[in-house]
Amino acid sequence: AAGHFRFMKVLHTGWFVAMVAEAGWLRRPFRPALAAVAGLVA
């Protein structure tokens, strides 16, 4: 199933780009409680 790898690369590259874009362009705030829970899950 070699074709899956291309989709994985696109998905993960898009994920990195989207994380930066949403936090920066949409001015997402920092929420300490949410960040603490998210940090533990990560």
Full PDB file with SEQRES, HELIX, SHEET, SSBOND, CRYST1, ORIGX, SCALE, CONECT and MASTER records, all heavy atoms in Angstrom:
SEQRES   1 A   42  ALA ALA GLY HIS PHE ARG PHE MET LYS VAL LEU HIS THR          
SEQRES   2 A   42  GLY TRP PHE VAL ALA MET VAL ALA GLU ALA GLY TRP LEU          
SEQRES   3 A   42  ARG ARG PRO PHE ARG PRO ALA LEU ALA ALA VAL ALA GLY          
SEQRES   4 A   42  LEU VAL ALA                                                  
HELIX    1 AA1 GLY A    3  TRP A   25  1                                  23    
HELIX    2 AA2 PRO A   32  VAL A   41  1                                  10    
CRYST1    1.000    1.000    1.000  90.00  90.00  90.00 P 1           1          
ORIGX1      1.000000  0.000000  0.000000        0.00000                         
ORIGX2      0.000000  1.000000  0.000000        0.00000                         
ORIGX3      0.000000  0.000000  1.000000        0.00000                         
SCALE1      1.000000  0.000000  0.000000        0.00000                         
SCALE2      0.000000  1.000000  0.000000        0.00000                         
SCALE3      0.000000  0.000000  1.000000        0.00000                         
ATOM      1  N   ALA A   1       0.826  -1.222   0.000  1.00  0.00           N  
ATOM      2  CA  ALA A   1       0.000   0.000   0.000  1.00  0.00           C  
ATOM      3  C   ALA A   1       0.852   1.262   0.000  1.00  0.00           C  
ATOM      4  O   ALA A   1       0.695   2.150   0.838  1.00  0.00           O  
ATOM      5  CB  ALA A   1      -0.949  -0.008   1.198  1.00  0.00           C  
ATOM      6  N   ALA A   2       1.767   1.349  -0.962  1.00  0.00           N  
ATOM      7  CA  ALA A   2       2.721   2.463  -1.006  1.00  0.00           C  
ATOM      8  C   ALA A   2       2.033   3.818  -1.132  1.00  0.00           C  
ATOM      9  O   ALA A   2       2.559   4.833  -0.670  1.00  0.00           O  
ATOM     10  CB  ALA A   2       3.696   2.266  -2.166  1.00  0.00           C  
ATOM     11  N   GLY A   3       0.864   3.849  -1.737  1.00  0.00           N  
ATOM     12  CA  GLY A   3       0.169   5.120  -1.924  1.00  0.00           C  
ATOM     13  C   GLY A   3      -0.220   5.813  -0.641  1.00  0.00           C  
ATOM     14  O   GLY A   3      -0.364   7.044  -0.601  1.00  0.00           O  
ATOM     15  N   HIS A   4      -0.364   5.045   0.449  1.00  0.00           N  
ATOM     16  CA  HIS A   4      -0.742   5.646   1.734  1.00  0.00           C  
ATOM     17  C   HIS A   4       0.307   6.635   2.228  1.00  0.00           C  
ATOM     18  O   HIS A   4      -0.024   7.617   2.895  1.00  0.00           O  
ATOM     19  CB  HIS A   4      -0.931   4.557   2.794  1.00  0.00           C  
ATOM     20  CG  HIS A   4      -2.141   3.719   2.576  1.00  0.00           C  
ATOM     21  ND1 HIS A   4      -2.432   2.621   3.349  1.00  0.00           N  
ATOM     22  CD2 HIS A   4      -3.132   3.808   1.672  1.00  0.00           C  
ATOM     23  CE1 HIS A   4      -3.563   2.082   2.942  1.00  0.00           C  
ATOM     24  NE2 HIS A   4      -3.994   2.773   1.916  1.00  0.00           N  
ATOM     25  N   PHE A   5       1.561   6.367   1.909  1.00  0.00           N  
ATOM     26  CA  PHE A   5       2.638   7.204   2.432  1.00  0.00           C  
ATOM     27  C   PHE A   5       2.536   8.631   1.911  1.00  0.00           C  
ATOM     28  O   PHE A   5       2.808   9.591   2.643  1.00  0.00           O  
ATOM     29  CB  PHE A   5       3.994   6.596   2.078  1.00  0.00           C  
ATOM     30  CG  PHE A   5       5.164   7.341   2.656  1.00  0.00           C  
ATOM     31  CD1 PHE A   5       5.346   7.421   4.027  1.00  0.00           C  
ATOM     32  CD2 PHE A   5       6.084   7.971   1.827  1.00  0.00           C  
ATOM     33  CE1 PHE A   5       6.419   8.110   4.572  1.00  0.00           C  
ATOM     34  CE2 PHE A   5       7.161   8.653   2.365  1.00  0.00           C  
ATOM     35  CZ  PHE A   5       7.335   8.726   3.732  1.00  0.00           C  
ATOM     36  N   ARG A   6       2.134   8.790   0.661  1.00  0.00           N  
ATOM     37  CA  ARG A   6       1.970  10.144   0.096  1.00  0.00           C  
ATOM     38  C   ARG A   6       0.907  10.916   0.864  1.00  0.00           C  
ATOM     39  O   ARG A   6       1.085  12.095   1.163  1.00  0.00           O  
ATOM     40  CB  ARG A   6       1.623  10.058  -1.385  1.00  0.00           C  
ATOM     41  CG  ARG A   6       2.756   9.559  -2.262  1.00  0.00           C  
ATOM     42  CD  ARG A   6       2.452   9.785  -3.730  1.00  0.00           C  
ATOM     43  NE  ARG A   6       1.333   8.963  -4.178  1.00  0.00           N  
ATOM     44  CZ  ARG A   6       1.445   7.731  -4.648  1.00  0.00           C  
ATOM     45  NH1 ARG A   6       2.637   7.160  -4.692  1.00  0.00           N  
ATOM     46  NH2 ARG A   6       0.386   7.059  -5.040  1.00  0.00           N  
ATOM     47  N   PHE A   7      -0.203  10.249   1.150  1.00  0.00           N  
ATOM     48  CA  PHE A   7      -1.271  10.915   1.896  1.00  0.00           C  
ATOM     49  C   PHE A   7      -0.817  11.257   3.308  1.00  0.00           C  
ATOM     50  O   PHE A   7      -1.188  12.304   3.855  1.00  0.00           O  
ATOM     51  CB  PHE A   7      -2.519  10.031   1.930  1.00  0.00           C  
ATOM     52  CG  PHE A   7      -3.216   9.908   0.608  1.00  0.00           C  
ATOM     53  CD1 PHE A   7      -3.171   8.718  -0.104  1.00  0.00           C  
ATOM     54  CD2 PHE A   7      -3.903  10.976   0.066  1.00  0.00           C  
ATOM     55  CE1 PHE A   7      -3.803   8.603  -1.331  1.00  0.00           C  
ATOM     56  CE2 PHE A   7      -4.542  10.878  -1.155  1.00  0.00           C  
ATOM     57  CZ  PHE A   7      -4.490   9.677  -1.858  1.00  0.00           C  
ATOM     58  N   MET A   8      -0.028  10.382   3.923  1.00  0.00           N  
ATOM     59  CA  MET A   8       0.484  10.671   5.263  1.00  0.00           C  
ATOM     60  C   MET A   8       1.374  11.902   5.255  1.00  0.00           C  
ATOM     61  O   MET A   8       1.286  12.749   6.152  1.00  0.00           O  
ATOM     62  CB  MET A   8       1.261   9.463   5.795  1.00  0.00           C  
ATOM     63  CG  MET A   8       0.395   8.302   6.223  1.00  0.00           C  
ATOM     64  SD  MET A   8       1.377   6.921   6.869  1.00  0.00           S  
ATOM     65  CE  MET A   8       2.090   7.684   8.326  1.00  0.00           C  
ATOM     66  N   LYS A   9       2.235  12.015   4.258  1.00  0.00           N  
ATOM     67  CA  LYS A   9       3.116  13.182   4.174  1.00  0.00           C  
ATOM     68  C   LYS A   9       2.309  14.465   4.004  1.00  0.00           C  
ATOM     69  O   LYS A   9       2.606  15.481   4.653  1.00  0.00           O  
ATOM     70  CB  LYS A   9       4.102  13.020   3.017  1.00  0.00           C  
ATOM     71  CG  LYS A   9       5.197  12.015   3.268  1.00  0.00           C  
ATOM     72  CD  LYS A   9       6.366  12.188   2.308  1.00  0.00           C  
ATOM     73  CE  LYS A   9       5.966  11.947   0.874  1.00  0.00           C  
ATOM     74  NZ  LYS A   9       7.140  11.997  -0.035  1.00  0.00           N  
ATOM     75  N   VAL A  10       1.305  14.424   3.153  1.00  0.00           N  
ATOM     76  CA  VAL A  10       0.465  15.610   2.942  1.00  0.00           C  
ATOM     77  C   VAL A  10      -0.273  15.976   4.226  1.00  0.00           C  
ATOM     78  O   VAL A  10      -0.328  17.156   4.618  1.00  0.00           O  
ATOM     79  CB  VAL A  10      -0.548  15.358   1.798  1.00  0.00           C  
ATOM     80  CG1 VAL A  10      -1.589  16.476   1.734  1.00  0.00           C  
ATOM     81  CG2 VAL A  10       0.187  15.241   0.462  1.00  0.00           C  
ATOM     82  N   LEU A  11      -0.828  14.974   4.895  1.00  0.00           N  
ATOM     83  CA  LEU A  11      -1.589  15.243   6.116  1.00  0.00           C  
ATOM     84  C   LEU A  11      -0.703  15.853   7.200  1.00  0.00           C  
ATOM     85  O   LEU A  11      -1.061  16.867   7.812  1.00  0.00           O  
ATOM     86  CB  LEU A  11      -2.231  13.947   6.617  1.00  0.00           C  
ATOM     87  CG  LEU A  11      -3.197  14.084   7.806  1.00  0.00           C  
ATOM     88  CD1 LEU A  11      -4.328  13.064   7.688  1.00  0.00           C  
ATOM     89  CD2 LEU A  11      -2.487  13.887   9.146  1.00  0.00           C  
ATOM     90  N   HIS A  12       0.462  15.264   7.432  1.00  0.00           N  
ATOM     91  CA  HIS A  12       1.316  15.756   8.510  1.00  0.00           C  
ATOM     92  C   HIS A  12       1.949  17.105   8.179  1.00  0.00           C  
ATOM     93  O   HIS A  12       2.078  17.971   9.056  1.00  0.00           O  
ATOM     94  CB  HIS A  12       2.386  14.720   8.851  1.00  0.00           C  
ATOM     95  CG  HIS A  12       1.855  13.571   9.648  1.00  0.00           C  
ATOM     96  ND1 HIS A  12       1.885  13.538  11.018  1.00  0.00           N  
ATOM     97  CD2 HIS A  12       1.233  12.431   9.258  1.00  0.00           C  
ATOM     98  CE1 HIS A  12       1.318  12.430  11.449  1.00  0.00           C  
ATOM     99  NE2 HIS A  12       0.923  11.732  10.400  1.00  0.00           N  
ATOM    100  N   THR A  13       2.295  17.314   6.909  1.00  0.00           N  
ATOM    101  CA  THR A  13       2.811  18.629   6.519  1.00  0.00           C  
ATOM    102  C   THR A  13       1.740  19.694   6.696  1.00  0.00           C  
ATOM    103  O   THR A  13       1.996  20.780   7.235  1.00  0.00           O  
ATOM    104  CB  THR A  13       3.304  18.601   5.062  1.00  0.00           C  
ATOM    105  OG1 THR A  13       4.334  17.621   4.919  1.00  0.00           O  
ATOM    106  CG2 THR A  13       3.844  19.959   4.646  1.00  0.00           C  
ATOM    107  N   GLY A  14       0.528  19.370   6.246  1.00  0.00           N  
ATOM    108  CA  GLY A  14      -0.583  20.305   6.415  1.00  0.00           C  
ATOM    109  C   GLY A  14      -0.881  20.599   7.867  1.00  0.00           C  
ATOM    110  O   GLY A  14      -1.223  21.733   8.234  1.00  0.00           O  
ATOM    111  N   TRP A  15      -0.748  19.591   8.715  1.00  0.00           N  
ATOM    112  CA  TRP A  15      -0.976  19.760  10.161  1.00  0.00           C  
ATOM    113  C   TRP A  15      -0.004  20.776  10.756  1.00  0.00           C  
ATOM    114  O   TRP A  15      -0.409  21.687  11.491  1.00  0.00           O  
ATOM    115  CB  TRP A  15      -0.831  18.399  10.833  1.00  0.00           C  
ATOM    116  CG  TRP A  15      -0.994  18.361  12.318  1.00  0.00           C  
ATOM    117  CD1 TRP A  15      -2.128  18.647  13.028  1.00  0.00           C  
ATOM    118  CD2 TRP A  15      -0.004  17.963  13.272  1.00  0.00           C  
ATOM    119  NE1 TRP A  15      -1.891  18.454  14.381  1.00  0.00           N  
ATOM    120  CE2 TRP A  15      -0.606  18.027  14.548  1.00  0.00           C  
ATOM    121  CE3 TRP A  15       1.318  17.536  13.170  1.00  0.00           C  
ATOM    122  CZ2 TRP A  15       0.085  17.714  15.716  1.00  0.00           C  
ATOM    123  CZ3 TRP A  15       2.005  17.208  14.331  1.00  0.00           C  
ATOM    124  CH2 TRP A  15       1.389  17.293  15.592  1.00  0.00           C  
ATOM    125  N   PHE A  16       1.273  20.666  10.410  1.00  0.00           N  
ATOM    126  CA  PHE A  16       2.265  21.627  10.920  1.00  0.00           C  
ATOM    127  C   PHE A  16       1.958  23.041  10.438  1.00  0.00           C  
ATOM    128  O   PHE A  16       2.001  24.003  11.212  1.00  0.00           O  
ATOM    129  CB  PHE A  16       3.674  21.209  10.487  1.00  0.00           C  
ATOM    130  CG  PHE A  16       4.272  20.116  11.316  1.00  0.00           C  
ATOM    131  CD1 PHE A  16       4.440  18.838  10.809  1.00  0.00           C  
ATOM    132  CD2 PHE A  16       4.669  20.363  12.621  1.00  0.00           C  
ATOM    133  CE1 PHE A  16       4.991  17.825  11.571  1.00  0.00           C  
ATOM    134  CE2 PHE A  16       5.225  19.356  13.404  1.00  0.00           C  
ATOM    135  CZ  PHE A  16       5.384  18.081  12.872  1.00  0.00           C  
ATOM    136  N   VAL A  17       1.658  23.171   9.157  1.00  0.00           N  
ATOM    137  CA  VAL A  17       1.364  24.492   8.592  1.00  0.00           C  
ATOM    138  C   VAL A  17       0.116  25.082   9.236  1.00  0.00           C  
ATOM    139  O   VAL A  17       0.080  26.267   9.611  1.00  0.00           O  
ATOM    140  CB  VAL A  17       1.194  24.406   7.067  1.00  0.00           C  
ATOM    141  CG1 VAL A  17       0.700  25.733   6.488  1.00  0.00           C  
ATOM    142  CG2 VAL A  17       2.514  23.995   6.407  1.00  0.00           C  
ATOM    143  N   ALA A  18      -0.922  24.267   9.387  1.00  0.00           N  
ATOM    144  CA  ALA A  18      -2.186  24.750   9.946  1.00  0.00           C  
ATOM    145  C   ALA A  18      -2.043  25.180  11.401  1.00  0.00           C  
ATOM    146  O   ALA A  18      -2.657  26.175  11.827  1.00  0.00           O  
ATOM    147  CB  ALA A  18      -3.259  23.673   9.816  1.00  0.00           C  
ATOM    148  N   MET A  19      -1.243  24.453  12.182  1.00  0.00           N  
ATOM    149  CA  MET A  19      -1.041  24.840  13.589  1.00  0.00           C  
ATOM    150  C   MET A  19      -0.443  26.237  13.698  1.00  0.00           C  
ATOM    151  O   MET A  19      -0.869  27.056  14.525  1.00  0.00           O  
ATOM    152  CB  MET A  19      -0.125  23.833  14.290  1.00  0.00           C  
ATOM    153  CG  MET A  19      -0.790  22.543  14.665  1.00  0.00           C  
ATOM    154  SD  MET A  19       0.227  21.564  15.804  1.00  0.00           S  
ATOM    155  CE  MET A  19       1.547  21.004  14.712  1.00  0.00           C  
ATOM    156  N   VAL A  20       0.553  26.503  12.858  1.00  0.00           N  
ATOM    157  CA  VAL A  20       1.198  27.822  12.876  1.00  0.00           C  
ATOM    158  C   VAL A  20       0.235  28.893  12.383  1.00  0.00           C  
ATOM    159  O   VAL A  20       0.087  29.967  12.982  1.00  0.00           O  
ATOM    160  CB  VAL A  20       2.479  27.798  12.013  1.00  0.00           C  
ATOM    161  CG1 VAL A  20       3.053  29.204  11.868  1.00  0.00           C  
ATOM    162  CG2 VAL A  20       3.512  26.858  12.620  1.00  0.00           C  
ATOM    163  N   ALA A  21      -0.442  28.595  11.266  1.00  0.00           N  
ATOM    164  CA  ALA A  21      -1.332  29.587  10.658  1.00  0.00           C  
ATOM    165  C   ALA A  21      -2.494  29.944  11.567  1.00  0.00           C  
ATOM    166  O   ALA A  21      -2.824  31.125  11.731  1.00  0.00           O  
ATOM    167  CB  ALA A  21      -1.853  29.054   9.317  1.00  0.00           C  
ATOM    168  N   GLU A  22      -3.111  28.958  12.178  1.00  0.00           N  
ATOM    169  CA  GLU A  22      -4.282  29.252  13.014  1.00  0.00           C  
ATOM    170  C   GLU A  22      -3.899  30.055  14.250  1.00  0.00           C  
ATOM    171  O   GLU A  22      -4.580  31.035  14.600  1.00  0.00           O  
ATOM    172  CB  GLU A  22      -4.983  27.967  13.429  1.00  0.00           C  
ATOM    173  CG  GLU A  22      -6.249  28.247  14.238  1.00  0.00           C  
ATOM    174  CD  GLU A  22      -7.078  27.020  14.549  1.00  0.00           C  
ATOM    175  OE1 GLU A  22      -6.733  25.923  14.067  1.00  0.00           O  
ATOM    176  OE2 GLU A  22      -8.074  27.155  15.283  1.00  0.00           O  
ATOM    177  N   ALA A  23      -2.819  29.668  14.907  1.00  0.00           N  
ATOM    178  CA  ALA A  23      -2.410  30.397  16.113  1.00  0.00           C  
ATOM    179  C   ALA A  23      -1.993  31.824  15.789  1.00  0.00           C  
ATOM    180  O   ALA A  23      -2.264  32.746  16.568  1.00  0.00           O  
ATOM    181  CB  ALA A  23      -1.264  29.664  16.805  1.00  0.00           C  
ATOM    182  N   GLY A  24      -1.346  32.016  14.631  1.00  0.00           N  
ATOM    183  CA  GLY A  24      -0.841  33.339  14.276  1.00  0.00           C  
ATOM    184  C   GLY A  24      -1.871  34.216  13.589  1.00  0.00           C  
ATOM    185  O   GLY A  24      -2.198  35.301  14.064  1.00  0.00           O  
ATOM    186  N   TRP A  25      -2.412  33.743  12.485  1.00  0.00           N  
ATOM    187  CA  TRP A  25      -3.320  34.568  11.695  1.00  0.00           C  
ATOM    188  C   TRP A  25      -4.655  34.803  12.390  1.00  0.00           C  
ATOM    189  O   TRP A  25      -5.238  35.881  12.281  1.00  0.00           O  
ATOM    190  CB  TRP A  25      -3.561  33.933  10.332  1.00  0.00           C  
ATOM    191  CG  TRP A  25      -2.330  33.908   9.475  1.00  0.00           C  
ATOM    192  CD1 TRP A  25      -1.167  34.593   9.675  1.00  0.00           C  
ATOM    193  CD2 TRP A  25      -2.139  33.151   8.273  1.00  0.00           C  
ATOM    194  NE1 TRP A  25      -0.254  34.313   8.698  1.00  0.00           N  
ATOM    195  CE2 TRP A  25      -0.820  33.429   7.819  1.00  0.00           C  
ATOM    196  CE3 TRP A  25      -2.936  32.261   7.558  1.00  0.00           C  
ATOM    197  CZ2 TRP A  25      -0.301  32.851   6.659  1.00  0.00           C  
ATOM    198  CZ3 TRP A  25      -2.421  31.677   6.412  1.00  0.00           C  
ATOM    199  CH2 TRP A  25      -1.120  31.973   5.970  1.00  0.00           C  
ATOM    200  N   LEU A  26      -5.154  33.772  13.091  1.00  0.00           N  
ATOM    201  CA  LEU A  26      -6.438  33.917  13.764  1.00  0.00           C  
ATOM    202  C   LEU A  26      -6.300  34.384  15.211  1.00  0.00           C  
ATOM    203  O   LEU A  26      -7.282  34.460  15.944  1.00  0.00           O  
ATOM    204  CB  LEU A  26      -7.214  32.598  13.707  1.00  0.00           C  
ATOM    205  CG  LEU A  26      -7.564  32.107  12.299  1.00  0.00           C  
ATOM    206  CD1 LEU A  26      -8.399  30.833  12.364  1.00  0.00           C  
ATOM    207  CD2 LEU A  26      -8.305  33.187  11.499  1.00  0.00           C  
ATOM    208  N   ARG A  27      -5.056  34.662  15.625  1.00  0.00           N  
ATOM    209  CA  ARG A  27      -4.782  35.213  16.960  1.00  0.00           C  
ATOM    210  C   ARG A  27      -5.385  34.385  18.080  1.00  0.00           C  
ATOM    211  O   ARG A  27      -6.054  34.905  18.986  1.00  0.00           O  
ATOM    212  CB  ARG A  27      -5.333  36.650  17.051  1.00  0.00           C  
ATOM    213  CG  ARG A  27      -4.828  37.592  15.993  1.00  0.00           C  
ATOM    214  CD  ARG A  27      -3.414  38.009  16.259  1.00  0.00           C  
ATOM    215  NE  ARG A  27      -2.919  38.970  15.273  1.00  0.00           N  
ATOM    216  CZ  ARG A  27      -1.698  39.459  15.263  1.00  0.00           C  
ATOM    217  NH1 ARG A  27      -0.835  39.097  16.204  1.00  0.00           N  
ATOM    218  NH2 ARG A  27      -1.318  40.309  14.344  1.00  0.00           N  
ATOM    219  N   ARG A  28      -5.162  33.101  18.004  1.00  0.00           N  
ATOM    220  CA  ARG A  28      -5.707  32.248  19.054  1.00  0.00           C  
ATOM    221  C   ARG A  28      -5.036  32.569  20.395  1.00  0.00           C  
ATOM    222  O   ARG A  28      -3.821  32.704  20.470  1.00  0.00           O  
ATOM    223  CB  ARG A  28      -5.476  30.780  18.722  1.00  0.00           C  
ATOM    224  CG  ARG A  28      -6.204  30.293  17.475  1.00  0.00           C  
ATOM    225  CD  ARG A  28      -7.694  30.450  17.612  1.00  0.00           C  
ATOM    226  NE  ARG A  28      -8.393  29.785  16.512  1.00  0.00           N  
ATOM    227  CZ  ARG A  28      -9.576  30.128  16.069  1.00  0.00           C  
ATOM    228  NH1 ARG A  28     -10.222  31.151  16.625  1.00  0.00           N  
ATOM    229  NH2 ARG A  28     -10.141  29.467  15.089  1.00  0.00           N  
ATOM    230  N   PRO A  29      -5.829  32.685  21.463  1.00  0.00           N  
ATOM    231  CA  PRO A  29      -5.255  33.003  22.781  1.00  0.00           C  
ATOM    232  C   PRO A  29      -4.624  31.769  23.424  1.00  0.00           C  
ATOM    233  O   PRO A  29      -4.882  30.633  23.021  1.00  0.00           O  
ATOM    234  CB  PRO A  29      -6.472  33.465  23.584  1.00  0.00           C  
ATOM    235  CG  PRO A  29      -7.602  32.686  22.989  1.00  0.00           C  
ATOM    236  CD  PRO A  29      -7.301  32.578  21.507  1.00  0.00           C  
ATOM    237  N   PHE A  30      -3.807  32.003  24.408  1.00  0.00           N  
ATOM    238  CA  PHE A  30      -3.234  30.921  25.206  1.00  0.00           C  
ATOM    239  C   PHE A  30      -4.126  30.695  26.417  1.00  0.00           C  
ATOM    240  O   PHE A  30      -4.375  31.622  27.190  1.00  0.00           O  
ATOM    241  CB  PHE A  30      -1.814  31.285  25.646  1.00  0.00           C  
ATOM    242  CG  PHE A  30      -1.189  30.265  26.552  1.00  0.00           C  
ATOM    243  CD1 PHE A  30      -0.748  29.049  26.054  1.00  0.00           C  
ATOM    244  CD2 PHE A  30      -1.049  30.511  27.912  1.00  0.00           C  
ATOM    245  CE1 PHE A  30      -0.176  28.097  26.888  1.00  0.00           C  
ATOM    246  CE2 PHE A  30      -0.469  29.569  28.753  1.00  0.00           C  
ATOM    247  CZ  PHE A  30      -0.033  28.352  28.235  1.00  0.00           C  
ATOM    248  N   ARG A  31      -4.635  29.489  26.583  1.00  0.00           N  
ATOM    249  CA  ARG A  31      -5.480  29.129  27.714  1.00  0.00           C  
ATOM    250  C   ARG A  31      -4.710  28.145  28.599  1.00  0.00           C  
ATOM    251  O   ARG A  31      -4.541  26.983  28.225  1.00  0.00           O  
ATOM    252  CB  ARG A  31      -6.776  28.482  27.239  1.00  0.00           C  
ATOM    253  CG  ARG A  31      -7.554  29.285  26.205  1.00  0.00           C  
ATOM    254  CD  ARG A  31      -8.203  30.494  26.811  1.00  0.00           C  
ATOM    255  NE  ARG A  31      -9.110  31.166  25.874  1.00  0.00           N  
ATOM    256  CZ  ARG A  31      -9.558  32.393  26.018  1.00  0.00           C  
ATOM    257  NH1 ARG A  31      -9.159  33.105  27.086  1.00  0.00           N  
ATOM    258  NH2 ARG A  31     -10.377  32.924  25.136  1.00  0.00           N  
ATOM    259  N   PRO A  32      -4.218  28.587  29.750  1.00  0.00           N  
ATOM    260  CA  PRO A  32      -3.357  27.723  30.569  1.00  0.00           C  
ATOM    261  C   PRO A  32      -3.968  26.374  30.920  1.00  0.00           C  
ATOM    262  O   PRO A  32      -3.287  25.344  30.851  1.00  0.00           O  
ATOM    263  CB  PRO A  32      -3.103  28.568  31.816  1.00  0.00           C  
ATOM    264  CG  PRO A  32      -3.248  29.976  31.348  1.00  0.00           C  
ATOM    265  CD  PRO A  32      -4.337  29.946  30.321  1.00  0.00           C  
ATOM    266  N   ALA A  33      -5.233  26.346  31.300  1.00  0.00           N  
ATOM    267  CA  ALA A  33      -5.854  25.080  31.691  1.00  0.00           C  
ATOM    268  C   ALA A  33      -5.931  24.123  30.506  1.00  0.00           C  
ATOM    269  O   ALA A  33      -5.607  22.930  30.628  1.00  0.00           O  
ATOM    270  CB  ALA A  33      -7.245  25.334  32.265  1.00  0.00           C  
ATOM    271  N   LEU A  34      -6.362  24.641  29.359  1.00  0.00           N  
ATOM    272  CA  LEU A  34      -6.441  23.812  28.154  1.00  0.00           C  
ATOM    273  C   LEU A  34      -5.052  23.344  27.743  1.00  0.00           C  
ATOM    274  O   LEU A  34      -4.861  22.174  27.371  1.00  0.00           O  
ATOM    275  CB  LEU A  34      -7.094  24.602  27.023  1.00  0.00           C  
ATOM    276  CG  LEU A  34      -7.186  23.893  25.670  1.00  0.00           C  
ATOM    277  CD1 LEU A  34      -8.027  22.616  25.785  1.00  0.00           C  
ATOM    278  CD2 LEU A  34      -7.787  24.832  24.613  1.00  0.00           C  
ATOM    279  N   ALA A  35      -4.075  24.237  27.807  1.00  0.00           N  
ATOM    280  CA  ALA A  35      -2.706  23.887  27.425  1.00  0.00           C  
ATOM    281  C   ALA A  35      -2.144  22.806  28.346  1.00  0.00           C  
ATOM    282  O   ALA A  35      -1.414  21.913  27.890  1.00  0.00           O  
ATOM    283  CB  ALA A  35      -1.820  25.124  27.459  1.00  0.00           C  
ATOM    284  N   ALA A  36      -2.474  22.852  29.621  1.00  0.00           N  
ATOM    285  CA  ALA A  36      -1.970  21.849  30.564  1.00  0.00           C  
ATOM    286  C   ALA A  36      -2.520  20.466  30.231  1.00  0.00           C  
ATOM    287  O   ALA A  36      -1.782  19.472  30.191  1.00  0.00           O  
ATOM    288  CB  ALA A  36      -2.349  22.236  31.989  1.00  0.00           C  
ATOM    289  N   VAL A  37      -3.816  20.386  29.966  1.00  0.00           N  
ATOM    290  CA  VAL A  37      -4.423  19.100  29.609  1.00  0.00           C  
ATOM    291  C   VAL A  37      -3.873  18.603  28.272  1.00  0.00           C  
ATOM    292  O   VAL A  37      -3.504  17.435  28.123  1.00  0.00           O  
ATOM    293  CB  VAL A  37      -5.956  19.230  29.551  1.00  0.00           C  
ATOM    294  CG1 VAL A  37      -6.581  17.934  29.032  1.00  0.00           C  
ATOM    295  CG2 VAL A  37      -6.517  19.575  30.927  1.00  0.00           C  
ATOM    296  N   ALA A  38      -3.815  19.525  27.292  1.00  0.00           N  
ATOM    297  CA  ALA A  38      -3.291  19.150  25.977  1.00  0.00           C  
ATOM    298  C   ALA A  38      -1.840  18.693  26.071  1.00  0.00           C  
ATOM    299  O   ALA A  38      -1.432  17.747  25.387  1.00  0.00           O  
ATOM    300  CB  ALA A  38      -3.412  20.333  25.015  1.00  0.00           C  
ATOM    301  N   GLY A  39      -1.065  19.351  26.925  1.00  0.00           N  
ATOM    302  CA  GLY A  39       0.327  18.961  27.102  1.00  0.00           C  
ATOM    303  C   GLY A  39       0.460  17.549  27.640  1.00  0.00           C  
ATOM    304  O   GLY A  39       1.301  16.770  27.171  1.00  0.00           O  
ATOM    305  N   LEU A  40      -0.378  17.192  28.611  1.00  0.00           N  
ATOM    306  CA  LEU A  40      -0.341  15.837  29.169  1.00  0.00           C  
ATOM    307  C   LEU A  40      -0.708  14.793  28.113  1.00  0.00           C  
ATOM    308  O   LEU A  40      -0.084  13.725  28.022  1.00  0.00           O  
ATOM    309  CB  LEU A  40      -1.292  15.740  30.362  1.00  0.00           C  
ATOM    310  CG  LEU A  40      -0.867  16.491  31.624  1.00  0.00           C  
ATOM    311  CD1 LEU A  40      -1.969  16.428  32.671  1.00  0.00           C  
ATOM    312  CD2 LEU A  40       0.428  15.910  32.186  1.00  0.00           C  
ATOM    313  N   VAL A  41      -1.719  15.115  27.314  1.00  0.00           N  
ATOM    314  CA  VAL A  41      -2.136  14.183  26.252  1.00  0.00           C  
ATOM    315  C   VAL A  41      -1.036  14.041  25.197  1.00  0.00           C  
ATOM    316  O   VAL A  41      -0.748  12.938  24.719  1.00  0.00           O  
ATOM    317  CB  VAL A  41      -3.454  14.660  25.609  1.00  0.00           C  
ATOM    318  CG1 VAL A  41      -3.820  13.774  24.409  1.00  0.00           C  
ATOM    319  CG2 VAL A  41      -4.582  14.651  26.628  1.00  0.00           C  
ATOM    320  N   ALA A  42      -0.398  15.162  24.841  1.00  0.00           N  
ATOM    321  CA  ALA A  42       0.685  15.119  23.862  1.00  0.00           C  
ATOM    322  C   ALA A  42       1.869  14.305  24.375  1.00  0.00           C  
ATOM    323  O   ALA A  42       2.488  13.537  23.620  1.00  0.00           O  
ATOM    324  CB  ALA A  42       1.131  16.537  23.507  1.00  0.00           C  
TER     325      ALA A  42                                                      
MASTER        0    0    0    2    0    0    0    6  324    1    0    4          
END                                                                             
